[in-house]
C-alpha atoms as a PDB file:
ATOM      1  CA  MET A   1      -9.706 -15.312  -3.666  1.00  0.00           C
ATOM      2  CA  LEU A   2      -8.267 -11.697  -2.446  1.00  0.00           C
ATOM      3  CA  LEU A   3      -5.154 -11.196  -0.360  1.00  0.00           C
ATOM      4  CA  ALA A   4      -5.403  -7.528   1.116  1.00  0.00           C
ATOM      5  CA  VAL A   5      -2.775  -6.067   2.620  1.00  0.00           C
ATOM      6  CA  ASP A   6      -2.488  -3.120   5.146  1.00  0.00           C
ATOM      7  CA  VAL A   7       1.180  -2.314   5.219  1.00  0.00           C
ATOM      8  CA  GLY A   8       1.440   0.319   8.699  1.00  0.00           C
ATOM      9  CA  ASN A   9       4.489   2.105   9.986  1.00  0.00           C
ATOM     10  CA  THR A  10       4.882  -0.653  12.419  1.00  0.00           C
ATOM     11  CA  GLN A  11       2.864  -4.002  11.729  1.00  0.00           C
ATOM     12  CA  SER A  12       1.068  -5.112   8.700  1.00  0.00           C
ATOM     13  CA  THR A  13      -2.132  -6.487   8.228  1.00  0.00           C
ATOM     14  CA  LEU A  14      -2.639  -9.523   6.013  1.00  0.00           C
ATOM     15  CA  GLY A  15      -6.201 -11.117   5.212  1.00  0.00           C
ATOM     16  CA  ILE A  16      -6.957 -13.715   3.071  1.00  0.00           C
ATOM     17  CA  TYR A  17     -11.223 -13.621   1.304  1.00  0.00           C
ATOM     18  CA  ASP A  18     -12.857 -15.911  -0.145  1.00  0.00           C
ATOM     19  CA  GLY A  19     -15.877 -13.828  -1.365  1.00  0.00           C
ATOM     20  CA  GLU A  20     -16.877 -11.741   1.965  1.00  0.00           C
ATOM     21  CA  LYS A  21     -16.083 -14.440   4.493  1.00  0.00           C
ATOM     22  CA  LEU A  22     -12.708 -13.612   5.901  1.00  0.00           C
ATOM     23  CA  LEU A  23     -10.898 -16.450   6.152  1.00  0.00           C
ATOM     24  CA  ASN A  24      -7.316 -15.741   7.832  1.00  0.00           C
ATOM     25  CA  MET A  25      -5.784 -12.894   8.927  1.00  0.00           C
ATOM     26  CA  TRP A  26      -1.684 -12.173  10.172  1.00  0.00           C
ATOM     27  CA  ARG A  27       0.250  -9.609  11.638  1.00  0.00           C
ATOM     28  CA  ILE A  28       4.025  -9.124  10.616  1.00  0.00           C
ATOM     29  CA  ALA A  29       6.299  -6.492  11.523  1.00  0.00           C
ATOM     30  CA  THR A  30       7.149  -3.844   8.523  1.00  0.00           C
ATOM     31  CA  ASN A  31      10.637  -3.840   7.563  1.00  0.00           C
ATOM     32  CA  LYS A  32      11.574  -0.663   5.159  1.00  0.00           C
ATOM     33  CA  SER A  33      14.297  -2.087   4.185  1.00  0.00           C
ATOM     34  CA  HIS A  34      12.670  -5.812   2.091  1.00  0.00           C
ATOM     35  CA  THR A  35      12.672  -5.988  -1.433  1.00  0.00           C
ATOM     36  CA  SER A  36      10.268  -7.891  -2.965  1.00  0.00           C
ATOM     37  CA  ASP A  37      12.010 -10.735  -2.869  1.00  0.00           C
ATOM     38  CA  GLU A  38      12.216 -11.210   0.481  1.00  0.00           C
ATOM     39  CA  LEU A  39       8.768 -10.261   0.626  1.00  0.00           C
ATOM     40  CA  ARG A  40       7.539 -13.452  -1.049  1.00  0.00           C
ATOM     41  CA  ALA A  41       9.648 -15.346   1.200  1.00  0.00           C
ATOM     42  CA  LYS A  42       8.652 -13.930   4.294  1.00  0.00           C
ATOM     43  CA  LEU A  43       5.041 -14.179   2.881  1.00  0.00           C
ATOM     44  CA  LEU A  44       4.783 -17.933   1.108  1.00  0.00           C
ATOM     45  CA  PRO A  45       5.568 -19.680   3.925  1.00  0.00           C
ATOM     46  CA  LEU A  46       3.265 -17.910   5.949  1.00  0.00           C
ATOM     47  CA  PHE A  47       0.611 -18.859   3.937  1.00  0.00           C
ATOM     48  CA  ARG A  48       1.542 -22.399   3.721  1.00  0.00           C
ATOM     49  CA  THR A  49       1.193 -22.766   7.663  1.00  0.00           C
ATOM     50  CA  GLU A  50      -2.182 -22.280   6.576  1.00  0.00           C
ATOM     51  CA  ASP A  51      -2.753 -24.420   3.448  1.00  0.00           C
ATOM     52  CA  PHE A  52      -2.879 -21.208   1.716  1.00  0.00           C
ATOM     53  CA  ASN A  53      -1.569 -21.419  -1.852  1.00  0.00           C
ATOM     54  CA  ILE A  54      -1.166 -17.811  -3.529  1.00  0.00           C
ATOM     55  CA  ALA A  55      -1.211 -18.060  -7.406  1.00  0.00           C
ATOM     56  CA  ASN A  56      -2.434 -16.838 -10.269  1.00  0.00           C
ATOM     57  CA  GLY A  57      -5.743 -15.693 -10.538  1.00  0.00           C
ATOM     58  CA  TRP A  58      -6.052 -14.321  -7.314  1.00  0.00           C
ATOM     59  CA  SER A  59      -6.450 -10.995  -7.030  1.00  0.00           C
ATOM     60  CA  SER A  60      -4.897  -8.554  -4.181  1.00  0.00           C
ATOM     61  CA  VAL A  61      -5.583  -5.210  -2.553  1.00  0.00           C
ATOM     62  CA  LEU A  62      -2.864  -3.057  -1.120  1.00  0.00           C
ATOM     63  CA  ALA A  63      -2.639   0.106   1.709  1.00  0.00           C
ATOM     64  CA  SER A  64       0.216   1.380   2.467  1.00  0.00           C
ATOM     65  CA  VAL A  65       1.630   4.473   4.372  1.00  0.00           C
ATOM     66  CA  VAL A  66       5.533   3.756   3.637  1.00  0.00           C
ATOM     67  CA  PRO A  67       5.818   5.294   0.801  1.00  0.00           C
ATOM     68  CA  PRO A  68       8.873   3.554   0.182  1.00  0.00           C
ATOM     69  CA  LEU A  69       7.162   0.026   0.355  1.00  0.00           C
ATOM     70  CA  THR A  70       4.050   0.795  -2.067  1.00  0.00           C
ATOM     71  CA  THR A  71       6.502   0.041  -5.285  1.00  0.00           C
ATOM     72  CA  VAL A  72       7.678  -3.822  -3.509  1.00  0.00           C
ATOM     73  CA  TRP A  73       4.592  -4.600  -2.359  1.00  0.00           C
ATOM     74  CA  CYS A  74       3.330  -3.973  -5.398  1.00  0.00           C
ATOM     75  CA  GLU A  75       6.054  -5.929  -7.632  1.00  0.00           C
ATOM     76  CA  ALA A  76       5.742  -8.764  -4.654  1.00  0.00           C
ATOM     77  CA  LEU A  77       2.018  -9.271  -4.843  1.00  0.00           C
ATOM     78  CA  GLN A  78       1.375  -8.999  -8.982  1.00  0.00           C
ATOM     79  CA  THR A  79       4.708 -11.745  -9.023  1.00  0.00           C
ATOM     80  CA  LEU A  80       1.773 -13.996  -6.587  1.00  0.00           C
ATOM     81  CA  THR A  81      -1.187 -13.412  -7.962  1.00  0.00           C
ATOM     82  CA  GLY A  82      -0.412 -12.860 -11.855  1.00  0.00           C
ATOM     83  CA  LYS A  83      -1.816  -9.608 -12.244  1.00  0.00           C
ATOM     84  CA  PRO A  84      -0.930  -5.611  -9.986  1.00  0.00           C
ATOM     85  CA  PRO A  85      -2.723  -5.080  -7.325  1.00  0.00           C
ATOM     86  CA  VAL A  86      -5.554  -2.955  -6.616  1.00  0.00           C
ATOM     87  CA  VAL A  87      -3.883   0.421  -4.724  1.00  0.00           C
ATOM     88  CA  CYS A  88      -6.407   1.829  -2.286  1.00  0.00           C
ATOM     89  CA  THR A  89      -6.107   5.730  -2.534  1.00  0.00           C
ATOM     90  CA  ALA A  90      -9.152   8.103  -2.508  1.00  0.00           C
ATOM     91  CA  GLU A  91      -9.101   8.234  -6.286  1.00  0.00           C
ATOM     92  CA  SER A  92      -9.481   4.097  -6.597  1.00  0.00           C
ATOM     93  CA  ALA A  93     -12.393   4.430  -3.762  1.00  0.00           C
ATOM     94  CA  ALA A  94     -14.474   6.616  -5.591  1.00  0.00           C
ATOM     95  CA  GLY A  95     -17.841   5.832  -5.459  1.00  0.00           C
ATOM     96  CA  LEU A  96     -17.800   4.130  -2.274  1.00  0.00           C
ATOM     97  CA  PHE A  97     -15.643   6.821  -0.065  1.00  0.00           C
ATOM     98  CA  GLU A  98     -16.882  10.683  -0.456  1.00  0.00           C
ATOM     99  CA  ALA A  99     -14.476  13.523   0.854  1.00  0.00           C
ATOM    100  CA  ASP A 100     -15.613  16.914   2.206  1.00  0.00           C
ATOM    101  CA  TYR A 101     -12.035  17.796   2.482  1.00  0.00           C
ATOM    102  CA  PRO A 102      -9.338  20.564   0.686  1.00  0.00           C
ATOM    103  CA  SER A 103      -7.009  17.886  -0.748  1.00  0.00           C
ATOM    104  CA  PRO A 104      -8.532  14.600  -0.931  1.00  0.00           C
ATOM    105  CA  SER A 105      -5.331  12.770  -2.489  1.00  0.00           C
ATOM    106  CA  GLU A 106      -3.394  13.128   1.140  1.00  0.00           C
ATOM    107  CA  ILE A 107      -5.903  11.356   2.889  1.00  0.00           C
ATOM    108  CA  GLY A 108      -3.555   8.130   4.030  1.00  0.00           C
ATOM    109  CA  ALA A 109      -5.083   4.808   2.212  1.00  0.00           C
ATOM    110  CA  ASP A 110      -5.576   3.142   6.245  1.00  0.00           C
ATOM    111  CA  ARG A 111      -8.116   6.003   6.777  1.00  0.00           C
ATOM    112  CA  VAL A 112      -9.513   6.192   2.992  1.00  0.00           C
ATOM    113  CA  ALA A 113     -10.452   2.119   3.705  1.00  0.00           C
ATOM    114  CA  ASP A 114     -11.083   2.939   7.563  1.00  0.00           C
ATOM    115  CA  ALA A 115     -13.818   4.917   6.230  1.00  0.00           C
ATOM    116  CA  VAL A 116     -15.291   3.130   3.457  1.00  0.00           C
ATOM    117  CA  ALA A 117     -15.801  -0.171   5.649  1.00  0.00           C
ATOM    118  CA  ALA A 118     -17.061   1.970   8.501  1.00  0.00           C
ATOM    119  CA  LYS A 119     -19.795   3.704   6.007  1.00  0.00           C
ATOM    120  CA  ALA A 120     -20.997   0.081   5.050  1.00  0.00           C
ATOM    121  CA  LEU A 121     -20.885  -1.406   8.491  1.00  0.00           C
ATOM    122  CA  PHE A 122     -22.051   1.062  10.491  1.00  0.00           C
ATOM    123  CA  GLY A 123     -23.891   3.775   8.608  1.00  0.00           C
ATOM    124  CA  ALA A 124     -23.205   7.829   8.446  1.00  0.00           C
ATOM    125  CA  PRO A 125     -22.646   9.292  10.447  1.00  0.00           C
ATOM    126  CA  VAL A 126     -19.773   7.432  12.106  1.00  0.00           C
ATOM    127  CA  VAL A 127     -16.376   7.617  14.054  1.00  0.00           C
ATOM    128  CA  VAL A 128     -13.612   5.679  14.008  1.00  0.00           C
ATOM    129  CA  VAL A 129     -10.484   5.503  16.052  1.00  0.00           C
ATOM    130  CA  ASP A 130      -7.579   3.287  14.919  1.00  0.00           C
ATOM    131  CA  PHE A 131      -5.254   3.218  17.332  1.00  0.00           C
ATOM    132  CA  GLY A 132      -1.940   1.836  15.607  1.00  0.00           C
ATOM    133  CA  THR A 133       1.338   3.543  15.025  1.00  0.00           C
ATOM    134  CA  ALA A 134      -0.710   6.874  14.759  1.00  0.00           C
ATOM    135  CA  THR A 135      -3.968   7.042  16.772  1.00  0.00           C
ATOM    136  CA  ASN A 136      -6.088   7.957  14.023  1.00  0.00           C
ATOM    137  CA  ILE A 137      -9.424   9.535  14.503  1.00  0.00           C
ATOM    138  CA  GLU A 138     -11.575   9.557  10.538  1.00  0.00           C
ATOM    139  CA  VAL A 139     -14.843  10.999  10.647  1.00  0.00           C
ATOM    140  CA  ILE A 140     -17.964  10.762   8.245  1.00  0.00           C
ATOM    141  CA  ASP A 141     -21.153  12.755   8.445  1.00  0.00           C
ATOM    142  CA  ARG A 142     -24.467  12.576   8.393  1.00  0.00           C
ATOM    143  CA  ARG A 143     -24.067  12.752   4.512  1.00  0.00           C
ATOM    144  CA  GLY A 144     -21.978   9.761   4.579  1.00  0.00           C
ATOM    145  CA  LYS A 145     -18.552  12.096   3.528  1.00  0.00           C
ATOM    146  CA  PHE A 146     -15.416  11.890   5.312  1.00  0.00           C
ATOM    147  CA  VAL A 147     -14.688  15.737   6.920  1.00  0.00           C
ATOM    148  CA  GLY A 148     -11.942  15.138   8.727  1.00  0.00           C
ATOM    149  CA  GLY A 149     -10.601  14.119  11.970  1.00  0.00           C
ATOM    150  CA  VAL A 150      -7.201  13.726  13.812  1.00  0.00           C
ATOM    151  CA  ILE A 151      -4.093  12.165  13.791  1.00  0.00           C
ATOM    152  CA  ALA A 152      -2.067  11.996  16.791  1.00  0.00           C
ATOM    153  CA  PRO A 153       1.654  10.044  18.572  1.00  0.00           C
ATOM    154  CA  GLY A 154      -0.206   6.521  18.974  1.00  0.00           C
ATOM    155  CA  VAL A 155       0.322   4.249  22.639  1.00  0.00           C
ATOM    156  CA  GLU A 156       3.724   2.905  21.935  1.00  0.00           C
ATOM    157  CA  THR A 157       5.074   6.186  20.054  1.00  0.00           C
ATOM    158  CA  SER A 158       4.183   7.928  22.827  1.00  0.00           C
ATOM    159  CA  ALA A 159       5.889   5.036  25.224  1.00  0.00           C
ATOM    160  CA  SER A 160       8.892   5.215  22.872  1.00  0.00           C
ATOM    161  CA  ALA A 161       9.650   8.595  22.891  1.00  0.00           C
ATOM    162  CA  LEU A 162       9.255   8.670  26.674  1.00  0.00           C
ATOM    163  CA  PHE A 163      11.932   5.786  26.919  1.00  0.00           C
ATOM    164  CA  ALA A 164      14.255   7.362  24.643  1.00  0.00           C
ATOM    165  CA  ASN A 165      14.306  10.817  26.301  1.00  0.00           C
ATOM    166  CA  ALA A 166      14.223   9.821  30.170  1.00  0.00           C
ATOM    167  CA  THR A 167      17.187   7.809  30.855  1.00  0.00           C
ATOM    168  CA  ARG A 168      15.841   6.494  34.157  1.00  0.00           C
ATOM    169  CA  LEU A 169      13.045   5.310  33.165  1.00  0.00           C
ATOM    170  CA  ALA A 170      13.412   1.527  32.117  1.00  0.00           C
ATOM    171  CA  THR A 171      10.883   0.428  29.691  1.00  0.00           C
ATOM    172  CA  ILE A 172       7.488  -1.434  30.546  1.00  0.00           C
ATOM    173  CA  ASP A 173       4.390  -3.037  29.544  1.00  0.00           C
ATOM    174  CA  LEU A 174       1.778  -1.326  28.675  1.00  0.00           C
ATOM    175  CA  VAL A 175      -0.926  -2.606  31.053  1.00  0.00           C
ATOM    176  CA  ASP A 176      -3.828  -1.718  33.461  1.00  0.00           C
ATOM    177  CA  PRO A 177      -2.329  -0.528  36.478  1.00  0.00           C
ATOM    178  CA  HIS A 178      -5.635  -0.359  38.204  1.00  0.00           C
ATOM    179  CA  THR A 179      -4.884   3.174  39.803  1.00  0.00           C
ATOM    180  CA  ALA A 180      -4.505   6.930  38.780  1.00  0.00           C
ATOM    181  CA  ILE A 181      -2.310   7.607  41.190  1.00  0.00           C
ATOM    182  CA  GLY A 182       0.566   5.515  40.887  1.00  0.00           C
ATOM    183  CA  THR A 183       2.587   4.122  43.495  1.00  0.00           C
ATOM    184  CA  SER A 184       5.845   3.066  42.306  1.00  0.00           C
ATOM    185  CA  THR A 185       7.339   4.486  38.904  1.00  0.00           C
ATOM    186  CA  GLU A 186       6.264   1.449  36.996  1.00  0.00           C
ATOM    187  CA  LYS A 187       2.308   2.285  37.887  1.00  0.00           C
ATOM    188  CA  ALA A 188       2.879   6.062  37.275  1.00  0.00           C
ATOM    189  CA  ILE A 189       4.186   5.620  33.798  1.00  0.00           C
ATOM    190  CA  GLN A 190       1.185   3.005  32.955  1.00  0.00           C
ATOM    191  CA  ALA A 191      -1.358   5.315  33.962  1.00  0.00           C
ATOM    192  CA  GLY A 192      -0.255   8.649  32.292  1.00  0.00           C
ATOM    193  CA  ILE A 193       0.700   6.723  29.026  1.00  0.00           C
ATOM    194  CA  VAL A 194      -2.630   3.820  29.258  1.00  0.00           C
ATOM    195  CA  TYR A 195      -5.329   6.218  30.789  1.00  0.00           C
ATOM    196  CA  GLY A 196      -3.697   9.205  29.432  1.00  0.00           C
ATOM    197  CA  GLU A 197      -4.859   8.243  25.864  1.00  0.00           C
ATOM    198  CA  ALA A 198      -8.132   7.205  26.855  1.00  0.00           C
ATOM    199  CA  ASP A 199      -8.468  10.170  28.452  1.00  0.00           C
ATOM    200  CA  ARG A 200      -6.869  12.196  24.902  1.00  0.00           C
ATOM    201  CA  VAL A 201      -9.093   9.687  23.176  1.00  0.00           C
ATOM    202  CA  ASP A 202     -11.910  10.617  25.006  1.00  0.00           C
ATOM    203  CA  GLY A 203     -11.679  14.215  25.416  1.00  0.00           C
ATOM    204  CA  LEU A 204     -11.487  14.771  21.344  1.00  0.00           C
ATOM    205  CA  LEU A 205     -14.349  12.449  20.756  1.00  0.00           C
ATOM    206  CA  ARG A 206     -16.389  14.678  22.869  1.00  0.00           C
ATOM    207  CA  ARG A 207     -14.858  17.903  20.885  1.00  0.00           C
ATOM    208  CA  ILE A 208     -15.653  16.462  17.779  1.00  0.00           C
ATOM    209  CA  PHE A 209     -19.285  15.140  18.887  1.00  0.00           C
ATOM    210  CA  GLU A 210     -19.786  19.093  19.767  1.00  0.00           C
ATOM    211  CA  GLN A 211     -18.557  20.099  16.360  1.00  0.00           C
ATOM    212  CA  LEU A 212     -20.754  17.792  14.670  1.00  0.00           C
ATOM    213  CA  GLY A 213     -23.917  18.497  16.802  1.00  0.00           C
ATOM    214  CA  GLU A 214     -24.308  15.317  18.211  1.00  0.00           C
ATOM    215  CA  GLU A 215     -23.195  11.959  19.726  1.00  0.00           C
ATOM    216  CA  VAL A 216     -21.981   8.894  16.767  1.00  0.00           C
ATOM    217  CA  PRO A 217     -21.280   5.566  16.612  1.00  0.00           C
ATOM    218  CA  VAL A 218     -17.892   4.713  17.590  1.00  0.00           C
ATOM    219  CA  VAL A 219     -15.695   2.084  15.989  1.00  0.00           C
ATOM    220  CA  LEU A 220     -12.497   0.957  17.313  1.00  0.00           C
ATOM    221  CA  THR A 221      -9.523  -0.465  15.337  1.00  0.00           C
ATOM    222  CA  GLY A 222      -5.707  -0.924  14.665  1.00  0.00           C
ATOM    223  CA  GLY A 223      -3.465  -3.446  16.595  1.00  0.00           C
ATOM    224  CA  LEU A 224      -4.310  -2.098  20.509  1.00  0.00           C
ATOM    225  CA  ALA A 225      -8.212  -1.639  19.905  1.00  0.00           C
ATOM    226  CA  LYS A 226      -9.153  -4.275  22.160  1.00  0.00           C
ATOM    227  CA  ARG A 227      -6.295  -3.185  25.151  1.00  0.00           C
ATOM    228  CA  MET A 228      -8.046   0.409  24.637  1.00  0.00           C
ATOM    229  CA  ALA A 229     -11.338  -0.331  24.201  1.00  0.00           C
ATOM    230  CA  ASP A 230     -12.124  -0.832  27.998  1.00  0.00           C
ATOM    231  CA  TYR A 231     -10.328   2.053  29.214  1.00  0.00           C
ATOM    232  CA  LEU A 232     -12.497   4.659  27.346  1.00  0.00           C
ATOM    233  CA  HIS A 233     -15.984   6.256  28.700  1.00  0.00           C
ATOM    234  CA  THR A 234     -17.282   6.942  25.496  1.00  0.00           C
ATOM    235  CA  PRO A 235     -19.212   3.605  24.080  1.00  0.00           C
ATOM    236  CA  ASN A 236     -17.581   2.109  21.303  1.00  0.00           C
ATOM    237  CA  THR A 237     -17.311  -1.122  19.131  1.00  0.00           C
ATOM    238  CA  VAL A 238     -14.731  -2.803  18.587  1.00  0.00           C
ATOM    239  CA  HIS A 239     -13.735  -3.866  14.823  1.00  0.00           C
ATOM    240  CA  PRO A 240      -9.711  -5.470  14.544  1.00  0.00           C
ATOM    241  CA  GLU A 241     -10.673  -6.236  10.640  1.00  0.00           C
ATOM    242  CA  LEU A 242     -11.477  -3.239   9.673  1.00  0.00           C
ATOM    243  CA  THR A 243      -9.552  -1.700   7.481  1.00  0.00           C
ATOM    244  CA  LEU A 244      -9.263  -4.934   5.749  1.00  0.00           C
ATOM    245  CA  GLU A 245     -12.867  -4.986   5.367  1.00  0.00           C
ATOM    246  CA  GLY A 246     -12.194  -1.581   3.768  1.00  0.00           C
ATOM    247  CA  LEU A 247      -9.662  -3.144   0.950  1.00  0.00           C
ATOM    248  CA  ARG A 248     -12.069  -6.093   0.111  1.00  0.00           C
ATOM    249  CA  LEU A 249     -15.035  -3.719  -0.480  1.00  0.00           C
ATOM    250  CA  ILE A 250     -13.125  -1.399  -2.173  1.00  0.00           C
ATOM    251  CA  ALA A 251     -11.062  -4.455  -4.499  1.00  0.00           C
ATOM    252  CA  VAL A 252     -14.688  -5.739  -5.191  1.00  0.00           C
ATOM    253  CA  GLN A 253     -16.085  -2.356  -6.834  1.00  0.00           C
ATOM    254  CA  ILE A 254     -12.823  -2.313  -9.269  1.00  0.00           C
END
């Protein structure tokens, strides 16, 4: 059994695999002040509610974009399983992850895992759009190499910045306003953030296709992928477990 963990800035995603089968997946809030003991105290009841007993003999794999939590999670996973986790990096994914990139060591672990899974599942070339705290776009070219991409503020990050800095605007639900011309403040904000994010991603994908010289498959992942998929004009496939699948593939090869 394998426990895969993707630690993001806002949410952390956990998945339990039996071989290639994902048995269960959870999304939990990322708390940057957690100790390893607090993590274990939070995780064990969560797993037990689904009748999973994490014990010695399990394996684990970790992707973290929150440096202060990387060591904390490593300690927690080692205590839970009896052995250190595989930590996802461009180096540890070598063999599955090739990069034509000036500094591969600076590529985020989540981007590495996304690229590994997308290439394995969809072939190359392929582009991944990961809707999280940041909206990341990963580009794998026809050679199967990661060649770069885009990092932009995510939907909720943009919304939080707007509400924090515009004192007269109240927080609203980010849902489809069904109109590009907002007839209320609420609908105007929804159009600007929801449709604005979709059009930004469509525009970036168009520029990427132009640079690649061809249109390629697009895979959406991340916590907001399902919500954003219908608003894009670019054909796409949603794969919510893409990052976890990449982590599984990396763990299996080591």
